[in-house]
Protein backbone atom coordinates (compact mmCIF):
# COMPACT_ATOMS: atom_id res chain seq x y z
CA ILE A 1 -66.70 -54.69 129.36
CA ARG A 2 -66.33 -54.98 125.47
CA ALA A 3 -62.58 -55.83 124.32
CA SER A 4 -62.46 -55.23 120.68
CA THR A 5 -60.20 -55.33 117.44
CA LEU A 6 -60.29 -54.00 113.79
CA VAL A 7 -59.99 -56.25 110.81
CA MET A 8 -59.75 -54.97 107.39
CA LEU A 9 -59.82 -58.13 105.03
CA MET A 10 -57.45 -58.30 102.32
CA LEU A 11 -56.15 -61.03 99.87
CA GLU A 12 -52.44 -61.58 100.17
CA PRO A 13 -50.44 -63.76 97.71
CA ALA A 14 -49.69 -66.36 100.24
CA GLY A 15 -53.04 -66.85 101.52
CA VAL A 16 -56.27 -65.66 102.71
CA PHE A 17 -57.18 -63.99 105.85
CA GLY A 18 -60.61 -66.31 105.98
CA ALA A 19 -58.75 -69.35 105.15
CA ALA A 20 -55.90 -68.81 107.82
CA ALA A 21 -58.56 -68.19 110.38
CA ALA A 22 -60.27 -71.23 109.62
CA GLU A 23 -57.35 -73.17 109.62
CA SER A 24 -56.10 -71.81 112.92
CA ALA A 25 -59.39 -72.69 114.41
CA SER A 26 -59.03 -76.16 113.17
CA GLU A 27 -55.78 -76.86 114.72
CA SER A 28 -56.90 -75.15 118.16
CA ALA A 29 -59.65 -77.93 118.29
CA LYS A 30 -56.96 -80.68 118.68
CA SER A 31 -55.18 -81.94 121.50
CA MET A 32 -51.92 -79.68 122.39
CA THR A 33 -48.62 -81.69 122.24
CA CYS A 34 -45.94 -81.18 125.16
CA GLY A 35 -44.20 -79.07 122.26
CA ASP A 36 -46.94 -76.56 121.66
CA MET A 37 -46.99 -76.01 125.42
CA LYS A 38 -43.31 -75.45 125.48
CA ALA A 39 -43.39 -73.30 122.48
CA MET A 40 -46.14 -71.17 124.48
CA TYR A 41 -44.00 -71.42 127.63
CA ALA A 42 -41.32 -69.74 125.69
CA LYS A 43 -43.52 -67.50 123.85
CA HIS A 44 -44.81 -65.51 127.12
CA ASP A 45 -41.19 -65.47 128.77
CA CYS A 46 -41.94 -67.78 131.40
CA CYS A 47 -38.73 -69.12 132.11
CA GLY A 48 -37.65 -67.92 135.50
CA ALA A 49 -40.96 -66.20 136.31
CA PRO A 50 -43.21 -68.61 137.80
CA ALA A 51 -45.67 -65.79 139.07
CA LYS A 52 -45.88 -63.92 135.89
CA SER A 53 -49.56 -63.84 134.70
CA THR A 54 -50.02 -64.84 130.98
CA ASP A 55 -53.65 -64.34 130.69
CA MET A 56 -54.28 -67.89 129.39
CA MET A 57 -55.76 -70.71 131.07
CA ALA A 58 -54.83 -74.68 130.67
CA VAL A 59 -58.45 -76.42 130.18
CA PRO A 60 -58.62 -80.34 129.68
CA ALA A 61 -60.08 -81.11 126.48
CA PRO A 62 -63.44 -83.20 127.22
CA SER A 63 -63.63 -86.68 125.66
CA THR A 64 -67.03 -86.23 124.71
CA MET A 65 -69.11 -83.46 124.03
CA LEU A 66 -70.98 -81.99 127.29
CA LYS A 67 -74.80 -82.18 127.59
CA GLY A 68 -77.06 -80.60 129.97
CA THR A 69 -79.18 -77.50 130.67
CA ASN A 70 -77.97 -73.99 129.38
CA VAL A 71 -78.22 -72.40 132.64
CA CYS A 72 -77.92 -68.87 130.78
CA GLU A 73 -80.55 -69.23 128.64
CA GLY A 74 -83.01 -66.09 129.28
CA LYS A 75 -80.86 -64.50 131.63
CA LYS A 76 -80.87 -61.56 129.74
CA VAL A 77 -81.93 -58.46 131.90
CA ALA A 78 -84.62 -55.92 130.71
CA LEU A 79 -82.92 -52.75 130.36
CA GLU A 80 -85.01 -49.84 129.06
CA ASN A 81 -83.29 -47.10 126.56
CA THR A 82 -82.85 -43.98 128.51
CA ASP A 83 -81.74 -40.58 127.79
CA CYS A 84 -78.32 -40.19 128.41
CA VAL A 85 -78.76 -36.48 129.58
CA VAL A 86 -81.92 -35.74 132.00
CA ASN A 87 -82.22 -31.79 133.06
CA ASN A 88 -78.83 -31.24 131.87
CA ALA A 89 -77.28 -33.76 134.21
CA VAL A 90 -75.79 -37.21 132.64
CA ALA A 91 -78.31 -39.71 133.84
CA VAL A 92 -76.32 -42.90 133.06
CA LEU A 93 -73.24 -44.87 133.65
CA GLU A 94 -70.01 -44.72 131.32
CA GLN A 95 -69.62 -47.68 128.95
CA ALA A 96 -66.79 -48.81 126.87
CA GLY A 97 -65.16 -45.42 125.52
CA ALA A 98 -66.64 -44.19 122.35
CA ASN A 99 -63.36 -42.37 121.26
CA ILE A 100 -60.01 -44.26 121.89
CA THR A 101 -57.94 -41.62 119.65
CA LYS A 102 -54.62 -41.75 121.52
CA GLY A 103 -54.31 -38.83 123.88
CA TYR A 104 -58.18 -38.15 123.94
CA VAL A 105 -59.41 -37.07 127.11
CA GLY A 106 -63.15 -37.43 127.83
CA SER A 107 -65.14 -34.95 130.07
CA LEU A 108 -67.56 -37.51 131.79
CA ASP A 109 -67.25 -37.40 135.57
CA THR A 110 -67.02 -41.14 136.88
CA GLY A 111 -66.69 -40.37 140.52
CA SER A 112 -64.79 -42.93 142.37
CA ARG A 113 -64.97 -45.54 139.72
CA LYS A 114 -61.65 -46.43 138.18
CA PRO A 115 -60.98 -48.38 134.62
CA ILE A 116 -59.65 -51.98 134.71
CA THR A 117 -55.88 -51.90 134.42
CA SER A 118 -55.11 -55.63 135.25
CA SER A 119 -55.91 -58.01 132.70
CA TYR A 120 -59.90 -58.87 132.44
CA LEU A 121 -58.79 -62.50 133.58
CA GLU A 122 -56.94 -60.91 136.97
CA ALA A 123 -60.26 -58.76 137.28
CA GLY A 124 -62.50 -61.65 137.28
CA LEU A 125 -63.93 -61.36 134.04
CA CYS A 126 -64.35 -63.93 131.24
CA PRO A 127 -65.57 -63.50 127.50
CA VAL A 128 -69.21 -64.44 127.00
CA ASN A 129 -69.63 -63.91 123.22
CA VAL A 130 -67.87 -62.97 120.12
CA HIS A 131 -69.53 -60.90 117.37
CA TRP A 132 -68.48 -58.44 114.91
CA HIS A 133 -69.64 -55.09 113.59
CA LEU A 134 -69.92 -53.52 109.76
CA GLY A 135 -67.45 -51.04 110.31
CA ALA A 136 -65.78 -49.50 113.35
CA GLU A 137 -67.91 -48.65 116.43
CA HIS A 138 -65.55 -46.98 118.25
CA LEU A 139 -63.27 -43.84 116.66
CA SER A 140 -59.61 -43.48 116.53
CA VAL A 141 -58.90 -40.40 114.55
CA GLY A 142 -56.59 -41.34 111.56
CA GLU A 143 -56.56 -44.90 112.17
CA PHE A 144 -60.33 -45.75 111.84
CA ASP A 145 -62.72 -42.64 111.45
CA ASP A 146 -65.09 -41.30 109.03
CA LYS A 147 -62.39 -40.39 106.75
CA GLY A 148 -61.61 -44.20 106.02
CA LYS A 149 -62.12 -45.80 102.91
CA GLY A 150 -64.15 -49.13 101.48
CA PRO A 151 -66.10 -50.76 98.83
CA GLY A 152 -69.58 -49.94 98.77
CA THR A 153 -71.81 -48.08 101.02
CA ALA A 154 -70.40 -44.72 102.28
CA ILE A 155 -69.80 -44.30 105.83
CA GLY A 156 -73.19 -43.44 107.85
CA GLY A 157 -74.75 -45.02 105.18
CA MET A 158 -77.49 -47.88 105.25
CA SER A 159 -76.23 -51.04 103.70
CA ARG A 160 -78.35 -54.53 102.91
CA ARG A 161 -75.39 -56.88 102.40
CA LEU A 162 -76.07 -58.60 105.59
CA GLY A 163 -79.54 -59.27 104.86
CA GLY A 164 -80.92 -56.38 106.77
CA SER A 165 -80.61 -52.67 107.09
CA VAL A 166 -77.18 -52.03 108.64
CA ARG A 167 -75.32 -48.65 109.36
CA GLN A 168 -71.97 -48.71 107.69
CA GLY A 169 -69.49 -47.81 110.63
CA LEU A 170 -65.98 -45.86 110.45
CA ARG A 171 -63.46 -47.58 108.28
CA CYS A 172 -59.59 -47.87 108.05
CA HIS A 173 -57.49 -45.85 105.66
CA HIS A 174 -55.55 -48.72 103.92
CA TYR A 175 -58.08 -49.50 101.17
CA ASP A 176 -57.05 -49.15 97.71
CA ALA A 177 -59.38 -50.09 94.57
CA ALA A 178 -56.43 -50.26 92.34
CA ASP A 179 -55.02 -53.16 94.46
CA SER A 180 -56.23 -56.61 93.87
CA LYS A 181 -55.52 -57.64 97.44
CA PHE A 182 -58.37 -55.26 98.47
CA THR A 183 -61.03 -56.19 95.72
CA THR A 184 -60.45 -59.87 94.81
CA PRO A 185 -63.90 -61.76 95.99
CA TYR A 186 -63.49 -64.56 98.14
CA ASP A 187 -65.96 -67.40 98.58
CA TRP A 188 -66.65 -67.36 102.62
CA GLN A 189 -67.15 -70.65 103.88
CA HIS A 190 -68.52 -69.69 107.27
CA CYS A 191 -69.10 -65.85 107.23
CA VAL A 192 -72.22 -64.56 106.05
CA GLY A 193 -72.04 -61.25 103.91
CA MET A 194 -68.48 -60.22 104.51
CA VAL A 195 -66.82 -58.30 101.84
CA VAL A 196 -62.85 -58.42 100.86
CA GLY A 197 -61.52 -54.41 101.36
CA GLU A 198 -64.11 -53.97 104.14
CA THR A 199 -63.22 -52.77 107.64
CA TYR A 200 -65.06 -55.02 110.60
CA GLU A 201 -64.65 -54.48 114.23
CA ILE A 202 -64.79 -57.58 116.39
CA HIS A 203 -66.34 -57.53 119.93
CA TRP A 204 -65.55 -59.90 122.83
CA PRO A 205 -67.95 -58.90 125.52
CA HIS A 206 -66.56 -59.75 128.79
CA SER A 207 -68.29 -60.19 132.43
CA ALA A 208 -68.02 -61.03 135.89
CA SER A 209 -71.44 -62.60 135.85
CA GLY A 210 -70.61 -65.28 133.19
CA ALA A 211 -70.72 -68.88 133.70
CA CYS A 212 -66.89 -68.64 133.34
CA GLY A 213 -64.83 -71.82 132.74
CA THR A 214 -67.97 -73.97 132.02
CA PRO A 215 -69.75 -75.04 128.69
CA ASN A 216 -71.84 -72.24 129.19
CA GLN A 217 -69.64 -69.46 129.07
CA TYR A 218 -70.29 -68.44 125.62
CA GLN A 219 -73.86 -67.29 124.75
CA THR A 220 -76.15 -65.75 122.12
CA PRO A 221 -77.49 -63.65 122.46
CA PHE A 222 -74.67 -62.20 124.40
CA TYR A 223 -76.59 -60.58 127.23
CA ASP A 224 -77.45 -63.96 128.21
CA GLY A 225 -73.76 -64.51 128.89
CA VAL A 226 -73.28 -61.05 130.55
CA PHE A 227 -76.00 -61.37 133.15
CA CYS A 228 -75.95 -65.36 133.61
CA MET A 229 -75.07 -65.39 137.13
CA GLY A 230 -77.28 -62.41 138.10
CA LEU A 231 -76.72 -58.80 138.92
CA GLU A 232 -75.66 -59.36 142.50
CA LYS A 233 -72.36 -61.05 141.41
């Protein structure tokens, strides 16, 4: 299961996306105050609703860095690439929806398998990795598609901005080469090869077989996190 979101990087007069994200990450590393918890309580309208799910968990901050063996290392399952259609019949199971355009209805017969309609947390899944794609991997016509705009390589072309040959994905429609917030360079401190004005799709792969709630929950490569506890789980 993959949760994803689209981000178009742009510079605003009041600040920079990258800088704001870094500041937020720095703040989140500190211990929360009672005021912080009170604000979250109010934000999620918890007053008078003790059974309401917030999709969040309160986890104590460890006093020291946790050490030990990464139990997920090497747990990636060797799955061979196969043809999706064999003898005019679909031979694979469904994955994340490739076309997420509002109102779109796919034709794949999923049998009795139903999509998750609760939160991933309530369904027993946890995020096991965070990574991003150059351009959108999924399609939403009129929102991020092959008519989108951005700097550099055309959609579908191969880009070498990331140190390798990478296919340029779909883009949002907001880019304006005449607007400095889409073109002003930024000196990235932690992200490699990212360009202001470009569209990026950020993925949070989730799994019911992750080492959820442990120091080994997040993994690279992400398949180690997806299959950490084994296929039987």
